[in-house]
Amino acid sequence: DRGSLIMFIRVCARRIPPTFLNLRRKSQARESVRAAASLQNLVYRWRQPVALLSSTSTQQPPSPLPKKKTVSITFIERDGSEHVVKAKAGDTLLEVAKEHDIDVEGACEGTLSCSTCHLIVVDQERFGKIPDPLTEEEQDMLDLAVGLTDTSRLGCQIVVSKELDGLRLKLPEATRDIRNTED
């Protein structure tokens, strides 16, 4: 598969440059360097969209990706203490909470099959500006959450973006994992 091929090419590319140090002739060394560069270029091209691979494409290779932007998010614990954390764009609120040791369980690990990452958005106005819409599946899981409010969301379903900068979230008084209840 594609991942295995990329891994194979990377291993080969890493092994080629040291070999030219053992070569006696400069031409062999240059050839080894060219081969390593070709393999590294192949890895780069393999990951690019199809438009970049066409021979008629005039696009230049993209510049390196910028560092992930961070935003400030405040978690309010059950005891009332507040933790202001830096969250990387692209992470979910559940991942952010776990990374900063906030007491959010996330028993299903973000698969939308429990409500243990239930969070309450403190400001009603900010709740309406969350770019990730509330889906029917998320609403079904929230219906099973303890302490449900009008501004409740599941942390695994909200992806951090610049619009969330300054967001304040409160942890509910309790959580319940319906997967562990017996009938």
Protein backbone atom coordinates (compact mmCIF):
# COMPACT_ATOMS: atom_id res chain seq x y z
CA ASP A 1 0.00 0.00 0.00
CA ARG A 2 0.98 3.66 -0.30
CA GLY A 3 2.19 4.05 3.30
CA SER A 4 4.48 1.02 3.01
CA LEU A 5 5.96 2.35 -0.22
CA ILE A 6 6.67 5.73 1.33
CA MET A 7 8.32 4.06 4.33
CA PHE A 8 10.45 1.91 2.00
CA ILE A 9 11.57 4.94 -0.01
CA ARG A 10 12.45 6.84 3.16
CA VAL A 11 14.56 3.97 4.46
CA CYS A 12 16.37 3.72 1.13
CA ALA A 13 16.94 7.48 0.98
CA ARG A 14 18.44 7.45 4.47
CA ARG A 15 20.81 4.66 3.58
CA ILE A 16 22.19 6.12 0.38
CA PRO A 17 23.95 9.30 1.60
CA PRO A 18 26.25 7.51 4.10
CA THR A 19 27.35 5.04 1.42
CA PHE A 20 29.03 7.70 -0.67
CA LEU A 21 31.43 8.40 2.19
CA ASN A 22 32.91 4.95 1.63
CA LEU A 23 33.28 5.39 -2.11
CA ARG A 24 36.70 6.11 -3.55
CA ARG A 25 35.72 8.01 -6.67
CA LYS A 26 33.97 11.36 -6.74
CA SER A 27 31.70 10.34 -9.61
CA GLN A 28 30.28 7.48 -7.55
CA ALA A 29 29.71 9.88 -4.67
CA ARG A 30 27.86 12.33 -6.93
CA GLU A 31 25.73 9.51 -8.31
CA SER A 32 24.78 8.38 -4.79
CA VAL A 33 23.81 11.93 -3.84
CA ARG A 34 21.69 12.24 -7.00
CA ALA A 35 19.97 8.92 -6.23
CA ALA A 36 19.18 10.04 -2.68
CA ALA A 37 17.81 13.35 -3.95
CA SER A 38 15.66 11.52 -6.50
CA LEU A 39 14.22 9.25 -3.85
CA GLN A 40 13.48 12.17 -1.54
CA ASN A 41 11.83 14.01 -4.43
CA LEU A 42 9.74 10.92 -5.15
CA VAL A 43 8.52 10.87 -1.54
CA TYR A 44 7.63 14.58 -1.83
CA ARG A 45 5.78 14.09 -5.13
CA TRP A 46 3.96 10.99 -3.86
CA ARG A 47 2.28 13.08 -1.15
CA GLN A 48 1.22 15.92 -3.44
CA PRO A 49 -2.20 16.36 -5.04
CA VAL A 50 -2.53 14.97 -8.56
CA ALA A 51 -2.42 18.47 -10.13
CA LEU A 52 1.17 18.90 -8.96
CA LEU A 53 2.19 15.58 -10.49
CA SER A 54 1.14 16.30 -14.06
CA SER A 55 3.97 17.09 -16.44
CA THR A 56 2.16 20.20 -17.70
CA SER A 57 1.77 21.69 -14.25
CA THR A 58 3.55 25.02 -13.81
CA GLN A 59 2.98 25.19 -10.07
CA GLN A 60 5.97 25.46 -7.80
CA PRO A 61 6.19 23.11 -4.81
CA PRO A 62 4.32 24.61 -1.88
CA SER A 63 6.28 26.32 0.84
CA PRO A 64 6.57 24.47 4.16
CA LEU A 65 3.36 24.41 6.16
CA PRO A 66 3.13 27.14 8.79
CA LYS A 67 3.17 26.17 12.44
CA LYS A 68 -0.23 25.34 13.83
CA LYS A 69 -1.94 28.42 15.19
CA THR A 70 -2.90 28.36 18.86
CA VAL A 71 -5.88 29.89 20.59
CA SER A 72 -6.68 30.42 24.27
CA ILE A 73 -9.45 28.32 25.77
CA THR A 74 -10.57 28.41 29.39
CA PHE A 75 -11.78 25.26 31.13
CA ILE A 76 -13.73 25.75 34.36
CA GLU A 77 -13.37 22.68 36.59
CA ARG A 78 -16.14 21.26 38.78
CA ASP A 79 -14.64 22.99 41.83
CA GLY A 80 -14.74 26.38 40.06
CA SER A 81 -11.02 26.64 39.33
CA GLU A 82 -10.16 27.96 35.89
CA HIS A 83 -7.42 26.74 33.55
CA VAL A 84 -6.48 28.86 30.57
CA VAL A 85 -4.74 26.65 28.00
CA LYS A 86 -3.25 27.10 24.54
CA ALA A 87 -4.97 24.86 22.02
CA LYS A 88 -3.59 23.99 18.59
CA ALA A 89 -5.85 24.55 15.60
CA GLY A 90 -7.06 21.22 14.24
CA ASP A 91 -7.22 19.41 17.60
CA THR A 92 -10.56 18.58 19.17
CA LEU A 93 -11.51 20.04 22.53
CA LEU A 94 -11.30 16.52 23.97
CA GLU A 95 -7.67 16.22 22.80
CA VAL A 96 -6.89 19.66 24.22
CA ALA A 97 -8.43 18.75 27.58
CA LYS A 98 -6.49 15.49 27.80
CA GLU A 99 -3.24 17.18 26.76
CA HIS A 100 -3.59 19.72 29.59
CA ASP A 101 -4.81 17.23 32.25
CA ILE A 102 -8.33 18.64 32.44
CA ASP A 103 -10.76 16.17 34.05
CA VAL A 104 -12.64 15.22 30.88
CA GLU A 105 -13.01 11.46 30.54
CA GLY A 106 -13.67 10.82 26.83
CA ALA A 107 -14.30 7.11 27.44
CA CYS A 108 -14.97 6.32 23.77
CA GLU A 109 -11.85 8.23 22.69
CA GLY A 110 -13.77 10.55 20.39
CA THR A 111 -15.84 8.01 18.46
CA LEU A 112 -19.17 9.65 19.36
CA SER A 113 -20.44 6.66 21.32
CA CYS A 114 -20.61 8.16 24.84
CA SER A 115 -21.22 11.51 26.47
CA THR A 116 -18.27 11.63 28.88
CA CYS A 117 -16.61 14.54 27.06
CA HIS A 118 -19.69 16.70 27.68
CA LEU A 119 -18.74 20.38 28.00
CA ILE A 120 -20.89 23.45 28.62
CA VAL A 121 -20.15 26.65 26.69
CA VAL A 122 -20.44 29.46 29.24
CA ASP A 123 -21.48 32.26 26.86
CA GLN A 124 -24.68 31.74 24.84
CA GLU A 125 -23.41 34.19 22.19
CA ARG A 126 -20.16 32.23 21.72
CA PHE A 127 -22.10 28.97 21.49
CA GLY A 128 -23.77 30.16 18.28
CA LYS A 129 -20.40 31.01 16.73
CA ILE A 130 -18.89 27.53 17.04
CA PRO A 131 -18.12 26.55 13.44
CA ASP A 132 -18.77 22.83 13.92
CA PRO A 133 -22.54 22.29 13.69
CA LEU A 134 -24.43 20.17 16.21
CA THR A 135 -25.25 16.92 14.39
CA GLU A 136 -28.16 14.61 15.06
CA GLU A 137 -25.77 11.90 16.31
CA GLU A 138 -24.16 14.32 18.76
CA GLN A 139 -27.60 15.47 19.95
CA ASP A 140 -28.58 11.84 20.58
CA MET A 141 -25.48 11.34 22.77
CA LEU A 142 -26.04 14.66 24.57
CA ASP A 143 -29.59 13.56 25.46
CA LEU A 144 -27.94 10.93 27.65
CA ALA A 145 -25.57 13.37 29.37
CA VAL A 146 -25.90 14.43 33.00
CA GLY A 147 -26.54 18.16 33.51
CA LEU A 148 -27.54 18.92 29.92
CA THR A 149 -27.95 22.63 29.11
CA ASP A 150 -28.86 24.66 26.02
CA THR A 151 -25.14 25.26 25.40
CA SER A 152 -23.92 21.68 25.90
CA ARG A 153 -21.60 20.11 23.34
CA LEU A 154 -19.35 17.06 23.16
CA GLY A 155 -15.67 17.97 23.23
CA CYS A 156 -14.80 15.30 20.68
CA GLN A 157 -17.00 17.00 18.07
CA ILE A 158 -15.58 20.52 18.21
CA VAL A 159 -12.38 21.17 16.29
CA VAL A 160 -10.25 24.07 17.50
CA SER A 161 -10.14 27.02 15.10
CA LYS A 162 -9.41 30.73 15.35
CA GLU A 163 -13.12 31.39 15.98
CA LEU A 164 -12.81 29.60 19.33
CA ASP A 165 -10.16 31.98 20.69
CA GLY A 166 -11.24 33.05 24.19
CA LEU A 167 -13.92 30.34 24.50
CA ARG A 168 -14.90 29.49 28.09
CA LEU A 169 -16.05 25.94 28.83
CA LYS A 170 -17.45 24.53 32.03
CA LEU A 171 -17.25 20.87 33.00
CA PRO A 172 -20.60 19.42 34.10
CA GLU A 173 -21.07 18.35 37.72
CA ALA A 174 -20.97 14.67 36.74
CA THR A 175 -20.68 12.37 33.72
CA ARG A 176 -22.22 9.03 32.91
CA ASP A 177 -20.98 6.45 30.43
CA ILE A 178 -24.08 4.69 29.15
CA ARG A 179 -21.94 1.91 27.70
CA ASN A 180 -21.22 0.64 31.22
CA THR A 181 -24.78 0.64 32.57
CA GLU A 182 -26.62 -2.63 32.95
CA ASP A 183 -30.27 -3.08 32.02
